[in-house]
Amino acid sequence: MLPPLKKTDGHLNPYSFNATELLNQSRAYFPWPGQYIFVGGIRVKVLKVEVDDNIILKPGLFDCTYGSMLLGTKNGTIRLLRVQPEGKKPISDQDLINSFKSKNIEILLNKDDYA
């Protein structure tokens, strides 16, 4: 018998999993415990993702310079299509990017947070 899922199981880990594995996790973990990631200290629920084979980013690199929210994984890149910032309604990746003061955002997620 498998152990029950915990809320922390939904913490999206781009350093340990490839793009396809994270896509499958997003399906398996919806609606509970759901997937989430911390961006700039803000918890962001990840509601819908897709694998993006056109752009290769290094693992943990969160990039908005291409007009969509991309996250580099262990092997490949995922696009965060639908997200929900903490305390807000679900929105598209485009709406979240438009809410940023700077549109050209690249954040390298701290690998120590995923150990």
Protein backbone atom coordinates (compact mmCIF):
# COMPACT_ATOMS: atom_id res chain seq x y z
CA MET A 1 0.00 0.00 0.00
CA LEU A 2 1.29 3.45 -0.92
CA PRO A 3 1.73 6.11 1.75
CA PRO A 4 -0.92 8.86 1.68
CA LEU A 5 -0.08 12.06 -0.18
CA LYS A 6 1.02 15.08 1.82
CA LYS A 7 0.56 18.71 0.82
CA THR A 8 4.34 19.06 0.44
CA ASP A 9 4.33 16.34 -2.26
CA GLY A 10 2.96 18.99 -4.61
CA HIS A 11 6.08 21.18 -4.44
CA LEU A 12 7.18 21.25 -8.08
CA ASN A 13 10.84 20.17 -8.26
CA PRO A 14 12.53 21.07 -11.56
CA TYR A 15 15.90 19.70 -10.40
CA SER A 16 14.81 16.10 -9.80
CA PHE A 17 12.20 15.53 -12.50
CA ASN A 18 12.09 16.00 -16.25
CA ALA A 19 9.36 17.86 -18.14
CA THR A 20 7.23 14.79 -18.90
CA GLU A 21 7.36 13.59 -15.29
CA LEU A 22 6.24 17.01 -14.04
CA LEU A 23 3.40 17.03 -16.59
CA ASN A 24 2.26 13.63 -15.32
CA GLN A 25 2.56 14.80 -11.70
CA SER A 26 0.39 17.82 -12.45
CA ARG A 27 -2.33 15.49 -13.70
CA ALA A 28 -1.96 13.06 -10.81
CA TYR A 29 -1.89 15.75 -8.11
CA PHE A 30 -4.94 17.64 -9.36
CA PRO A 31 -7.01 18.67 -7.47
CA TRP A 32 -5.19 17.54 -4.32
CA PRO A 33 -2.49 18.16 -3.20
CA GLY A 34 -1.96 20.23 -6.35
CA GLN A 35 1.37 21.54 -7.58
CA TYR A 36 2.98 24.77 -6.49
CA ILE A 37 6.20 26.70 -6.81
CA PHE A 38 7.65 29.71 -5.05
CA VAL A 39 8.46 32.63 -7.34
CA GLY A 40 10.01 35.67 -5.72
CA GLY A 41 8.84 34.48 -2.29
CA ILE A 42 5.23 34.12 -3.45
CA ARG A 43 3.57 30.70 -3.50
CA VAL A 44 2.05 30.11 -6.93
CA LYS A 45 -0.25 27.13 -7.53
CA VAL A 46 0.37 25.48 -10.88
CA LEU A 47 -3.00 24.45 -12.33
CA LYS A 48 -2.09 23.51 -15.90
CA VAL A 49 1.23 22.80 -17.62
CA GLU A 50 2.48 21.61 -20.98
CA VAL A 51 5.85 20.42 -22.23
CA ASP A 52 7.59 23.00 -24.45
CA ASP A 53 10.05 21.32 -26.83
CA ASN A 54 11.01 24.56 -28.59
CA ILE A 55 13.06 26.18 -25.84
CA ILE A 56 15.69 24.56 -23.64
CA LEU A 57 16.37 26.16 -20.25
CA LYS A 58 18.72 24.93 -17.56
CA PRO A 59 17.05 23.25 -14.57
CA GLY A 60 15.46 25.66 -12.15
CA LEU A 61 15.52 28.65 -14.51
CA PHE A 62 12.15 30.41 -14.44
CA ASP A 63 11.88 32.57 -17.55
CA CYS A 64 9.24 35.00 -18.81
CA THR A 65 11.22 36.62 -21.63
CA TYR A 66 9.49 34.59 -24.36
CA GLY A 67 6.00 35.87 -23.51
CA SER A 68 5.06 32.79 -21.50
CA MET A 69 6.03 31.34 -18.13
CA LEU A 70 8.69 28.71 -18.76
CA LEU A 71 10.54 26.56 -16.26
CA GLY A 72 13.66 24.55 -17.05
CA THR A 73 13.60 21.01 -15.68
CA LYS A 74 16.10 18.18 -15.30
CA ASN A 75 15.56 17.34 -18.97
CA GLY A 76 13.33 19.72 -20.93
CA THR A 77 11.13 22.75 -20.34
CA ILE A 78 7.55 23.14 -19.17
CA ARG A 79 5.19 26.04 -19.72
CA LEU A 80 2.98 27.03 -16.79
CA LEU A 81 -0.29 27.70 -18.66
CA ARG A 82 -2.63 28.40 -15.75
CA VAL A 83 -1.51 29.53 -12.31
CA GLN A 84 -2.96 30.92 -9.11
CA PRO A 85 -0.86 33.31 -7.03
CA GLU A 86 -1.46 32.93 -3.31
CA GLY A 87 -4.66 34.70 -2.26
CA LYS A 88 -5.73 35.45 -5.86
CA LYS A 89 -7.98 33.94 -8.51
CA PRO A 90 -6.62 31.53 -11.16
CA ILE A 91 -5.15 33.35 -14.16
CA SER A 92 -3.28 32.55 -17.35
CA ASP A 93 0.48 32.78 -17.53
CA GLN A 94 0.08 35.83 -19.78
CA ASP A 95 -1.98 37.66 -17.14
CA LEU A 96 0.62 36.94 -14.47
CA ILE A 97 3.42 38.18 -16.72
CA ASN A 98 1.43 41.36 -17.42
CA SER A 99 1.17 41.96 -13.67
CA PHE A 100 4.97 41.99 -13.32
CA LYS A 101 6.62 45.41 -13.37
CA SER A 102 9.38 44.10 -15.61
CA LYS A 103 8.38 41.82 -18.48
CA ASN A 104 11.86 40.34 -19.01
CA ILE A 105 12.15 38.15 -15.95
CA GLU A 106 14.61 35.37 -15.38
CA ILE A 107 14.81 33.80 -11.92
CA LEU A 108 17.08 30.91 -11.03
CA LEU A 109 15.29 28.97 -8.32
CA ASN A 110 17.43 28.13 -5.28
CA LYS A 111 18.49 24.50 -5.63
CA ASP A 112 18.83 24.21 -1.82
CA ASP A 113 15.05 24.66 -1.48
CA TYR A 114 14.61 21.39 -3.36
CA ALA A 115 17.13 19.17 -1.56
